[in-house]
Amino acid sequence: MVIRPAACVVSEMAGEEIVIDPITALAGIQSAISLVKKAAAVANDLGSLAPVIGKLFDAKSVATKAMLEAKRSKNKSNMGTALQIEMALDQAKVFEEELKLLFMQTGKIDVWQKIKARQAEMDRDDAKEISALKAEEKKAKEKADEMTEIVLVIAIIFFLMFFAFVGVNELIDFCQKTRGCV
């Protein structure tokens, strides 16, 4: 994964990178919170909020990944953005607690617990996948480094053989010219 100072790679799937600007991630999480609050004000039940709540968690995930990439880039302007995203994530966490209370008030805390368990399971799966991708990338890099070393050794051997050939050739020419090498 390539770290870009002005934008962050959010995911790689089948060789295709999805790039998001950290400011877009920040706006995404803020608009998702706003959307859930508006939908909650007019919704009859929690079930009708599910798609909107899903968008909130998607925006939170995108913002988290964008923030991590911005922090890793060590670019000062990205650090400011990372701080803004971190604050938005904190706001999302507070709002998540409000959602939890809403589930409690409607007697559906078991649904909330299932949602959180599913989220934790998906986060673990994502972490395993990322770990596997990193291991694969490391293995590919090691193989490339090994190939570079092999090519370097072959090149050195070739040059040594070339200089040995030239040296022997010069020695033979010298001996033939001076008729004194025995």
N, C-alpha and C. Protein backbone atom coordinates (compact mmCIF):
# COMPACT_ATOMS: atom_id res chain seq x y z
N MET A 1 0.84 -1.17 0.00
CA MET A 1 0.00 0.00 0.00
C MET A 1 0.89 1.23 0.00
N VAL A 2 0.61 2.16 -0.86
CA VAL A 2 1.39 3.38 -0.98
C VAL A 2 0.76 4.46 -0.11
N ILE A 3 1.59 5.15 0.67
CA ILE A 3 1.07 6.23 1.52
C ILE A 3 1.18 7.52 0.73
N ARG A 4 0.06 8.19 0.59
CA ARG A 4 0.02 9.43 -0.15
C ARG A 4 -0.22 10.58 0.81
N PRO A 5 0.52 11.69 0.69
CA PRO A 5 0.35 12.79 1.63
C PRO A 5 -1.00 13.48 1.53
N ALA A 6 -1.54 13.64 0.33
CA ALA A 6 -2.78 14.40 0.19
C ALA A 6 -4.02 13.53 0.28
N ALA A 7 -3.88 12.25 0.11
CA ALA A 7 -5.02 11.35 0.15
C ALA A 7 -4.60 10.06 0.82
N CYS A 8 -5.59 9.28 1.23
CA CYS A 8 -5.29 8.06 1.95
C CYS A 8 -5.90 6.87 1.24
N VAL A 9 -5.15 5.77 1.18
CA VAL A 9 -5.69 4.55 0.63
C VAL A 9 -6.56 3.93 1.70
N VAL A 10 -7.80 3.66 1.35
CA VAL A 10 -8.72 3.10 2.32
C VAL A 10 -8.71 1.58 2.23
N SER A 11 -8.67 1.03 1.03
CA SER A 11 -8.59 -0.43 0.91
C SER A 11 -8.06 -0.79 -0.46
N GLU A 12 -7.62 -2.03 -0.54
CA GLU A 12 -7.18 -2.58 -1.80
C GLU A 12 -7.97 -3.86 -2.01
N MET A 13 -8.64 -3.95 -3.15
CA MET A 13 -9.38 -5.16 -3.46
C MET A 13 -9.08 -5.52 -4.89
N ALA A 14 -8.60 -6.73 -5.10
CA ALA A 14 -8.27 -7.24 -6.43
C ALA A 14 -7.36 -6.29 -7.18
N GLY A 15 -6.39 -5.73 -6.47
CA GLY A 15 -5.42 -4.85 -7.12
C GLY A 15 -5.91 -3.44 -7.35
N GLU A 16 -7.15 -3.16 -7.01
CA GLU A 16 -7.72 -1.83 -7.24
C GLU A 16 -7.73 -1.06 -5.94
N GLU A 17 -7.09 0.10 -5.92
CA GLU A 17 -7.04 0.91 -4.72
C GLU A 17 -8.20 1.90 -4.69
N ILE A 18 -8.79 2.04 -3.52
CA ILE A 18 -9.82 3.05 -3.33
C ILE A 18 -9.14 4.14 -2.50
N VAL A 19 -9.07 5.34 -3.06
CA VAL A 19 -8.38 6.43 -2.40
C VAL A 19 -9.40 7.44 -1.90
N ILE A 20 -9.19 7.90 -0.67
CA ILE A 20 -10.11 8.90 -0.12
C ILE A 20 -9.30 10.01 0.54
N ASP A 21 -9.75 11.19 0.32
CA ASP A 21 -9.15 12.36 0.94
C ASP A 21 -9.60 12.38 2.40
N PRO A 22 -8.68 12.64 3.35
CA PRO A 22 -9.08 12.66 4.77
C PRO A 22 -10.21 13.64 5.06
N ILE A 23 -10.25 14.75 4.36
CA ILE A 23 -11.33 15.73 4.57
C ILE A 23 -12.67 15.12 4.15
N THR A 24 -12.67 14.33 3.08
CA THR A 24 -13.88 13.66 2.65
C THR A 24 -14.34 12.66 3.70
N ALA A 25 -13.38 11.96 4.31
CA ALA A 25 -13.71 11.02 5.37
C ALA A 25 -14.34 11.74 6.56
N LEU A 26 -13.76 12.88 6.90
CA LEU A 26 -14.28 13.69 8.00
C LEU A 26 -15.71 14.14 7.69
N ALA A 27 -15.92 14.65 6.50
CA ALA A 27 -17.26 15.09 6.11
C ALA A 27 -18.24 13.92 6.09
N GLY A 28 -17.75 12.75 5.67
CA GLY A 28 -18.60 11.57 5.61
C GLY A 28 -19.13 11.16 6.97
N ILE A 29 -18.25 11.16 7.95
CA ILE A 29 -18.69 10.75 9.30
C ILE A 29 -19.63 11.79 9.90
N GLN A 30 -19.35 13.07 9.66
CA GLN A 30 -20.22 14.12 10.19
C GLN A 30 -21.60 14.07 9.53
N SER A 31 -21.63 13.84 8.22
CA SER A 31 -22.94 13.79 7.55
C SER A 31 -23.69 12.52 7.94
N ALA A 32 -22.98 11.42 8.20
CA ALA A 32 -23.66 10.20 8.63
C ALA A 32 -24.31 10.37 9.99
N ILE A 33 -23.61 11.03 10.91
CA ILE A 33 -24.19 11.30 12.24
C ILE A 33 -25.43 12.16 12.10
N SER A 34 -25.33 13.20 11.28
CA SER A 34 -26.46 14.09 11.06
C SER A 34 -27.64 13.34 10.45
N LEU A 35 -27.35 12.47 9.49
CA LEU A 35 -28.39 11.70 8.82
C LEU A 35 -29.10 10.76 9.80
N VAL A 36 -28.32 10.09 10.66
CA VAL A 36 -28.93 9.18 11.63
C VAL A 36 -29.80 9.96 12.61
N LYS A 37 -29.34 11.13 13.05
CA LYS A 37 -30.13 11.93 13.99
C LYS A 37 -31.45 12.36 13.35
N LYS A 38 -31.39 12.80 12.08
CA LYS A 38 -32.62 13.21 11.39
C LYS A 38 -33.56 12.02 11.21
N ALA A 39 -32.99 10.86 10.81
CA ALA A 39 -33.82 9.68 10.59
C ALA A 39 -34.43 9.19 11.90
N ALA A 40 -33.68 9.28 13.00
CA ALA A 40 -34.17 8.84 14.30
C ALA A 40 -35.35 9.69 14.76
N ALA A 41 -35.35 10.95 14.37
CA ALA A 41 -36.42 11.85 14.79
C ALA A 41 -37.75 11.49 14.14
N VAL A 42 -37.72 10.88 12.95
CA VAL A 42 -38.96 10.57 12.24
C VAL A 42 -39.26 9.08 12.14
N ALA A 43 -38.34 8.23 12.60
CA ALA A 43 -38.51 6.78 12.45
C ALA A 43 -39.51 6.24 13.47
N ASN A 44 -40.28 5.25 13.03
CA ASN A 44 -41.26 4.61 13.91
C ASN A 44 -40.59 3.58 14.81
N ASP A 45 -39.62 2.85 14.27
CA ASP A 45 -38.94 1.82 15.04
C ASP A 45 -37.47 1.76 14.64
N LEU A 46 -36.70 1.04 15.44
CA LEU A 46 -35.26 0.95 15.20
C LEU A 46 -34.93 0.21 13.91
N GLY A 47 -35.78 -0.73 13.52
CA GLY A 47 -35.54 -1.50 12.31
C GLY A 47 -35.44 -0.61 11.08
N SER A 48 -36.23 0.44 11.04
CA SER A 48 -36.20 1.33 9.88
C SER A 48 -34.94 2.20 9.86
N LEU A 49 -34.23 2.26 11.00
CA LEU A 49 -32.98 3.04 11.06
C LEU A 49 -31.77 2.23 10.61
N ALA A 50 -31.91 0.92 10.47
CA ALA A 50 -30.77 0.05 10.19
C ALA A 50 -29.91 0.51 9.01
N PRO A 51 -30.50 0.83 7.84
CA PRO A 51 -29.64 1.26 6.73
C PRO A 51 -28.86 2.54 7.04
N VAL A 52 -29.49 3.45 7.74
CA VAL A 52 -28.85 4.72 8.06
C VAL A 52 -27.74 4.50 9.10
N ILE A 53 -28.02 3.66 10.09
CA ILE A 53 -27.00 3.35 11.10
C ILE A 53 -25.82 2.64 10.43
N GLY A 54 -26.12 1.77 9.47
CA GLY A 54 -25.05 1.08 8.72
C GLY A 54 -24.14 2.07 8.02
N LYS A 55 -24.73 3.12 7.46
CA LYS A 55 -23.93 4.16 6.80
C LYS A 55 -23.02 4.87 7.80
N LEU A 56 -23.52 5.06 9.02
CA LEU A 56 -22.70 5.68 10.05
C LEU A 56 -21.47 4.83 10.34
N PHE A 57 -21.68 3.52 10.53
CA PHE A 57 -20.56 2.65 10.84
C PHE A 57 -19.60 2.52 9.65
N ASP A 58 -20.14 2.56 8.43
CA ASP A 58 -19.26 2.55 7.25
C ASP A 58 -18.40 3.81 7.22
N ALA A 59 -19.04 4.95 7.47
CA ALA A 59 -18.30 6.22 7.47
C ALA A 59 -17.24 6.22 8.57
N LYS A 60 -17.59 5.65 9.71
CA LYS A 60 -16.65 5.58 10.82
C LYS A 60 -15.43 4.73 10.44
N SER A 61 -15.68 3.62 9.78
CA SER A 61 -14.59 2.74 9.34
C SER A 61 -13.68 3.43 8.33
N VAL A 62 -14.29 4.10 7.37
CA VAL A 62 -13.51 4.83 6.35
C VAL A 62 -12.69 5.93 7.01
N ALA A 63 -13.30 6.65 7.93
CA ALA A 63 -12.60 7.74 8.61
C ALA A 63 -11.44 7.21 9.45
N THR A 64 -11.65 6.09 10.12
CA THR A 64 -10.58 5.50 10.93
C THR A 64 -9.39 5.13 10.05
N LYS A 65 -9.66 4.49 8.92
CA LYS A 65 -8.57 4.09 8.02
C LYS A 65 -7.87 5.32 7.43
N ALA A 66 -8.64 6.33 7.07
CA ALA A 66 -8.04 7.55 6.53
C ALA A 66 -7.18 8.24 7.58
N MET A 67 -7.67 8.25 8.83
CA MET A 67 -6.91 8.87 9.90
C MET A 67 -5.60 8.14 10.15
N LEU A 68 -5.64 6.82 10.17
CA LEU A 68 -4.42 6.04 10.38
C LEU A 68 -3.40 6.31 9.28
N GLU A 69 -3.86 6.37 8.03
CA GLU A 69 -2.95 6.66 6.93
C GLU A 69 -2.38 8.07 7.02
N ALA A 70 -3.22 9.02 7.43
CA ALA A 70 -2.74 10.40 7.57
C ALA A 70 -1.68 10.48 8.67
N LYS A 71 -1.89 9.75 9.76
CA LYS A 71 -0.90 9.75 10.84
C LYS A 71 0.40 9.11 10.39
N ARG A 72 0.30 8.01 9.64
CA ARG A 72 1.50 7.30 9.17
C ARG A 72 2.33 8.14 8.22
N SER A 73 1.69 9.02 7.46
CA SER A 73 2.41 9.80 6.45
C SER A 73 3.35 10.81 7.08
N LYS A 74 3.14 11.15 8.34
CA LYS A 74 3.96 12.12 9.08
C LYS A 74 4.06 13.46 8.37
N ASN A 75 3.09 13.77 7.57
CA ASN A 75 3.02 15.06 6.90
C ASN A 75 2.26 15.99 7.85
N LYS A 76 2.81 17.16 8.16
CA LYS A 76 2.20 18.04 9.15
C LYS A 76 0.76 18.38 8.81
N SER A 77 0.46 18.65 7.55
CA SER A 77 -0.91 19.01 7.19
C SER A 77 -1.84 17.82 7.41
N ASN A 78 -1.33 16.62 7.18
CA ASN A 78 -2.16 15.44 7.42
C ASN A 78 -2.36 15.19 8.90
N MET A 79 -1.40 15.59 9.72
CA MET A 79 -1.58 15.42 11.16
C MET A 79 -2.75 16.28 11.65
N GLY A 80 -2.88 17.47 11.13
CA GLY A 80 -4.01 18.32 11.49
C GLY A 80 -5.32 17.66 11.07
N THR A 81 -5.33 17.09 9.88
CA THR A 81 -6.52 16.39 9.40
C THR A 81 -6.80 15.18 10.26
N ALA A 82 -5.72 14.46 10.63
CA ALA A 82 -5.90 13.29 11.48
C ALA A 82 -6.53 13.69 12.81
N LEU A 83 -6.12 14.82 13.34
CA LEU A 83 -6.72 15.30 14.59
C LEU A 83 -8.20 15.61 14.41
N GLN A 84 -8.54 16.24 13.29
CA GLN A 84 -9.95 16.54 13.03
C GLN A 84 -10.76 15.25 12.92
N ILE A 85 -10.20 14.27 12.21
CA ILE A 85 -10.91 13.00 12.06
C ILE A 85 -11.04 12.31 13.40
N GLU A 86 -9.97 12.36 14.20
CA GLU A 86 -10.01 11.76 15.54
C GLU A 86 -11.13 12.38 16.36
N MET A 87 -11.30 13.68 16.27
CA MET A 87 -12.38 14.36 17.00
C MET A 87 -13.74 13.91 16.47
N ALA A 88 -13.85 13.75 15.15
CA ALA A 88 -15.11 13.28 14.58
C ALA A 88 -15.40 11.85 15.02
N LEU A 89 -14.35 11.03 15.11
CA LEU A 89 -14.53 9.66 15.58
C LEU A 89 -14.98 9.65 17.04
N ASP A 90 -14.44 10.57 17.81
CA ASP A 90 -14.87 10.69 19.21
C ASP A 90 -16.35 11.09 19.26
N GLN A 91 -16.73 12.02 18.40
CA GLN A 91 -18.14 12.43 18.31
C GLN A 91 -19.00 11.22 17.92
N ALA A 92 -18.50 10.40 17.00
CA ALA A 92 -19.24 9.22 16.58
C ALA A 92 -19.37 8.23 17.74
N LYS A 93 -18.32 8.12 18.56
CA LYS A 93 -18.37 7.23 19.72
C LYS A 93 -19.44 7.68 20.70
N VAL A 94 -19.49 8.99 20.94
CA VAL A 94 -20.52 9.54 21.84
C VAL A 94 -21.90 9.25 21.26
N PHE A 95 -22.04 9.46 19.96
CA PHE A 95 -23.33 9.22 19.32
C PHE A 95 -23.68 7.73 19.37
N GLU A 96 -22.65 6.88 19.26
CA GLU A 96 -22.88 5.44 19.36
C GLU A 96 -23.45 5.08 20.73
N GLU A 97 -22.97 5.75 21.76
CA GLU A 97 -23.51 5.54 23.11
C GLU A 97 -24.97 5.97 23.17
N GLU A 98 -25.30 7.07 22.49
CA GLU A 98 -26.69 7.52 22.42
C GLU A 98 -27.56 6.48 21.72
N LEU A 99 -27.01 5.88 20.65
CA LEU A 99 -27.74 4.82 19.94
C LEU A 99 -27.97 3.62 20.86
N LYS A 100 -26.94 3.29 21.63
CA LYS A 100 -27.05 2.18 22.57
C LYS A 100 -28.20 2.44 23.55
N LEU A 101 -28.26 3.68 24.05
CA LEU A 101 -29.34 4.04 24.97
C LEU A 101 -30.70 3.94 24.28
N LEU A 102 -30.75 4.32 23.02
CA LEU A 102 -31.99 4.23 22.25
C LEU A 102 -32.43 2.76 22.14
N PHE A 103 -31.48 1.87 21.90
CA PHE A 103 -31.81 0.45 21.84
C PHE A 103 -32.29 -0.04 23.21
N MET A 104 -31.65 0.46 24.29
CA MET A 104 -32.05 0.07 25.64
C MET A 104 -33.48 0.54 25.93
N GLN A 105 -33.76 1.79 25.57
CA GLN A 105 -35.07 2.37 25.86
C GLN A 105 -36.19 1.63 25.14
N THR A 106 -35.88 1.08 23.98
CA THR A 106 -36.91 0.37 23.22
C THR A 106 -36.93 -1.12 23.55
N GLY A 107 -36.11 -1.53 24.54
CA GLY A 107 -36.10 -2.92 24.97
C GLY A 107 -35.39 -3.85 24.00
N LYS A 108 -34.48 -3.32 23.21
CA LYS A 108 -33.80 -4.14 22.20
C LYS A 108 -32.29 -4.15 22.44
N ILE A 109 -31.89 -4.20 23.70
CA ILE A 109 -30.46 -4.21 24.01
C ILE A 109 -29.81 -5.47 23.47
N ASP A 110 -30.57 -6.57 23.39
CA ASP A 110 -30.02 -7.80 22.84
C ASP A 110 -29.64 -7.62 21.37
N VAL A 111 -30.43 -6.85 20.65
CA VAL A 111 -30.11 -6.56 19.25
C VAL A 111 -28.81 -5.74 19.18
N TRP A 112 -28.70 -4.76 20.08
CA TRP A 112 -27.48 -3.93 20.12
C TRP A 112 -26.25 -4.80 20.40
N GLN A 113 -26.39 -5.72 21.35
CA GLN A 113 -25.27 -6.59 21.70
C GLN A 113 -24.89 -7.49 20.52
N LYS A 114 -25.88 -7.95 19.76
CA LYS A 114 -25.60 -8.76 18.57
C LYS A 114 -24.89 -7.92 17.51
N ILE A 115 -25.32 -6.67 17.37
CA ILE A 115 -24.68 -5.76 16.41
C ILE A 115 -23.22 -5.56 16.78
N LYS A 116 -22.96 -5.30 18.06
CA LYS A 116 -21.58 -5.08 18.51
C LYS A 116 -20.74 -6.35 18.36
N ALA A 117 -21.33 -7.51 18.64
CA ALA A 117 -20.61 -8.78 18.48
C ALA A 117 -20.27 -9.01 17.01
N ARG A 118 -21.23 -8.72 16.14
CA ARG A 118 -20.99 -8.88 14.69
C ARG A 118 -19.89 -7.91 14.24
N GLN A 119 -19.94 -6.69 14.74
CA GLN A 119 -18.91 -5.70 14.40
C GLN A 119 -17.53 -6.18 14.84
N ALA A 120 -17.44 -6.71 16.06
CA ALA A 120 -16.16 -7.20 16.57
C ALA A 120 -15.66 -8.37 15.72
N GLU A 121 -16.56 -9.25 15.33
CA GLU A 121 -16.19 -10.39 14.48
C GLU A 121 -15.67 -9.90 13.13
N MET A 122 -16.37 -8.94 12.55
CA MET A 122 -15.95 -8.40 11.25
C MET A 122 -14.62 -7.66 11.37
N ASP A 123 -14.41 -6.95 12.48
CA ASP A 123 -13.13 -6.26 12.70
C ASP A 123 -12.00 -7.27 12.81
N ARG A 124 -12.24 -8.39 13.52
CA ARG A 124 -11.22 -9.45 13.62
C ARG A 124 -10.91 -10.02 12.25
N ASP A 125 -11.96 -10.28 11.47
CA ASP A 125 -11.76 -10.82 10.12
C ASP A 125 -10.95 -9.84 9.26
N ASP A 126 -11.29 -8.55 9.36
CA ASP A 126 -10.54 -7.53 8.62
C ASP A 126 -9.08 -7.51 9.05
N ALA A 127 -8.84 -7.61 10.36
CA ALA A 127 -7.47 -7.59 10.87
C ALA A 127 -6.69 -8.80 10.36
N LYS A 128 -7.33 -9.98 10.33
CA LYS A 128 -6.68 -11.18 9.81
C LYS A 128 -6.34 -11.00 8.32
N GLU A 129 -7.29 -10.44 7.58
CA GLU A 129 -7.08 -10.24 6.14
C GLU A 129 -5.94 -9.25 5.90
N ILE A 130 -5.93 -8.17 6.67
CA ILE A 130 -4.86 -7.18 6.53
C ILE A 130 -3.52 -7.80 6.90
N SER A 131 -3.51 -8.61 7.95
CA SER A 131 -2.28 -9.28 8.38
C SER A 131 -1.79 -10.22 7.29
N ALA A 132 -2.70 -10.96 6.68
CA ALA A 132 -2.32 -11.88 5.60
C ALA A 132 -1.78 -11.11 4.40
N LEU A 133 -2.41 -9.97 4.07
CA LEU A 133 -1.93 -9.16 2.95
C LEU A 133 -0.54 -8.60 3.23
N LYS A 134 -0.33 -8.16 4.47
CA LYS A 134 0.99 -7.63 4.83
C LYS A 134 2.04 -8.73 4.76
N ALA A 135 1.70 -9.93 5.23
CA ALA A 135 2.63 -11.05 5.18
C ALA A 135 2.96 -11.40 3.73
N GLU A 136 1.94 -11.36 2.89
CA GLU A 136 2.13 -11.63 1.46
C GLU A 136 3.04 -10.57 0.83
N GLU A 137 2.79 -9.30 1.17
CA GLU A 137 3.62 -8.22 0.65
C GLU A 137 5.06 -8.37 1.13
N LYS A 138 5.23 -8.74 2.39
CA LYS A 138 6.57 -8.92 2.96
C LYS A 138 7.29 -10.06 2.25
N LYS A 139 6.57 -11.15 2.02
CA LYS A 139 7.15 -12.30 1.33
C LYS A 139 7.55 -11.92 -0.10
N ALA A 140 6.70 -11.16 -0.79
CA ALA A 140 7.01 -10.73 -2.15
C ALA A 140 8.23 -9.80 -2.15
N LYS A 141 8.31 -8.93 -1.16
CA LYS A 141 9.46 -8.02 -1.06
C LYS A 141 10.74 -8.80 -0.79
N GLU A 142 10.65 -9.79 0.10
CA GLU A 142 11.82 -10.62 0.39
C GLU A 142 12.27 -11.37 -0.85
N LYS A 143 11.31 -11.88 -1.62
CA LYS A 143 11.64 -12.59 -2.86
C LYS A 143 12.29 -11.65 -3.86
N ALA A 144 11.77 -10.44 -3.97
CA ALA A 144 12.35 -9.45 -4.87
C ALA A 144 13.77 -9.09 -4.42
N ASP A 145 13.96 -8.92 -3.11
CA ASP A 145 15.30 -8.63 -2.59
C ASP A 145 16.26 -9.78 -2.87
N GLU A 146 15.76 -11.00 -2.72
CA GLU A 146 16.59 -12.17 -3.00
C GLU A 146 16.99 -12.22 -4.47
N MET A 147 16.03 -11.91 -5.34
CA MET A 147 16.33 -11.90 -6.78
C MET A 147 17.36 -10.82 -7.10
N THR A 148 17.24 -9.68 -6.46
CA THR A 148 18.20 -8.60 -6.67
C THR A 148 19.60 -9.05 -6.23
N GLU A 149 19.67 -9.73 -5.11
CA GLU A 149 20.96 -10.23 -4.64
C GLU A 149 21.55 -11.25 -5.62
N ILE A 150 20.71 -12.14 -6.13
CA ILE A 150 21.18 -13.15 -7.10
C ILE A 150 21.71 -12.47 -8.35
N VAL A 151 20.98 -11.49 -8.85
CA VAL A 151 21.42 -10.76 -10.04
C VAL A 151 22.74 -10.05 -9.76
N LEU A 152 22.87 -9.46 -8.59
CA LEU A 152 24.10 -8.77 -8.22
C LEU A 152 25.28 -9.75 -8.15
N VAL A 153 25.08 -10.91 -7.54
CA VAL A 153 26.14 -11.91 -7.46
C VAL A 153 26.53 -12.38 -8.86
N ILE A 154 25.55 -12.64 -9.70
CA ILE A 154 25.84 -13.07 -11.08
C ILE A 154 26.62 -11.98 -11.82
N ALA A 155 26.23 -10.73 -11.63
CA ALA A 155 26.95 -9.63 -12.29
C ALA A 155 28.39 -9.55 -11.80
N ILE A 156 28.60 -9.72 -10.50
CA ILE A 156 29.96 -9.67 -9.96
C ILE A 156 30.80 -10.83 -10.51
N ILE A 157 30.20 -12.02 -10.52
CA ILE A 157 30.91 -13.18 -11.07
C ILE A 157 31.24 -12.95 -12.54
N PHE A 158 30.30 -12.41 -13.30
CA PHE A 158 30.55 -12.14 -14.72
C PHE A 158 31.72 -11.17 -14.89
N PHE A 159 31.73 -10.08 -14.11
CA PHE A 159 32.81 -9.10 -14.24
C PHE A 159 34.15 -9.70 -13.82
N LEU A 160 34.17 -10.52 -12.76
CA LEU A 160 35.41 -11.17 -12.34
C LEU A 160 35.92 -12.12 -13.43
N MET A 161 34.98 -12.88 -14.03
CA MET A 161 35.38 -13.78 -15.11
C MET A 161 35.87 -12.99 -16.32
N PHE A 162 35.22 -11.88 -16.61
CA PHE A 162 35.63 -11.04 -17.73
C PHE A 162 37.04 -10.50 -17.50
N PHE A 163 37.29 -9.98 -16.29
CA PHE A 163 38.63 -9.45 -15.99
C PHE A 163 39.66 -10.58 -15.97
N ALA A 164 39.30 -11.76 -15.52
CA ALA A 164 40.23 -12.90 -15.54
C ALA A 164 40.54 -13.28 -16.98
N PHE A 165 39.53 -13.31 -17.84
CA PHE A 165 39.71 -13.63 -19.25
C PHE A 165 40.63 -12.60 -19.91
N VAL A 166 40.35 -11.33 -19.66
CA VAL A 166 41.17 -10.26 -20.24
C VAL A 166 42.61 -10.37 -19.72
N GLY A 167 42.77 -10.64 -18.43
CA GLY A 167 44.10 -10.78 -17.84
C GLY A 167 44.87 -11.94 -18.44
N VAL A 168 44.24 -13.10 -18.56
CA VAL A 168 44.89 -14.27 -19.16
C VAL A 168 45.22 -13.98 -20.61
N ASN A 169 44.31 -13.35 -21.32
CA ASN A 169 44.55 -13.00 -22.72
C ASN A 169 45.75 -12.06 -22.85
N GLU A 170 45.84 -11.08 -21.99
CA GLU A 170 46.97 -10.15 -22.00
C GLU A 170 48.27 -10.88 -21.66
N LEU A 171 48.20 -11.80 -20.72
CA LEU A 171 49.40 -12.56 -20.35
C LEU A 171 49.88 -13.42 -21.51
N ILE A 172 48.95 -14.06 -22.20
CA ILE A 172 49.31 -14.88 -23.37
C ILE A 172 49.93 -14.00 -24.45
N ASP A 173 49.31 -12.84 -24.72
CA ASP A 173 49.87 -11.91 -25.72
C ASP A 173 51.28 -11.46 -25.31
N PHE A 174 51.47 -11.17 -24.03
CA PHE A 174 52.77 -10.72 -23.53
C PHE A 174 53.83 -11.83 -23.72
N CYS A 175 53.40 -13.06 -23.38
CA CYS A 175 54.33 -14.18 -23.51
C CYS A 175 54.70 -14.43 -24.95
N GLN A 176 53.76 -14.30 -25.87
CA GLN A 176 54.03 -14.52 -27.28
C GLN A 176 54.95 -13.41 -27.85
N LYS A 177 54.78 -12.20 -27.38
CA LYS A 177 55.59 -11.09 -27.86
C LYS A 177 57.03 -11.17 -27.31
N THR A 178 57.15 -11.55 -26.07
CA THR A 178 58.48 -11.57 -25.45
C THR A 178 59.12 -12.95 -25.52
N ARG A 179 58.43 -13.95 -25.83
CA ARG A 179 58.88 -15.33 -25.90
C ARG A 179 59.65 -15.74 -24.66
N GLY A 180 59.24 -15.16 -23.55
CA GLY A 180 59.96 -15.45 -22.33
C GLY A 180 59.12 -16.08 -21.24
N CYS A 181 57.88 -16.30 -21.40
CA CYS A 181 57.02 -16.89 -20.36
C CYS A 181 57.10 -18.40 -20.44
N VAL A 182 57.40 -18.99 -19.35
CA VAL A 182 57.47 -20.45 -19.33
C VAL A 182 56.65 -20.97 -18.18
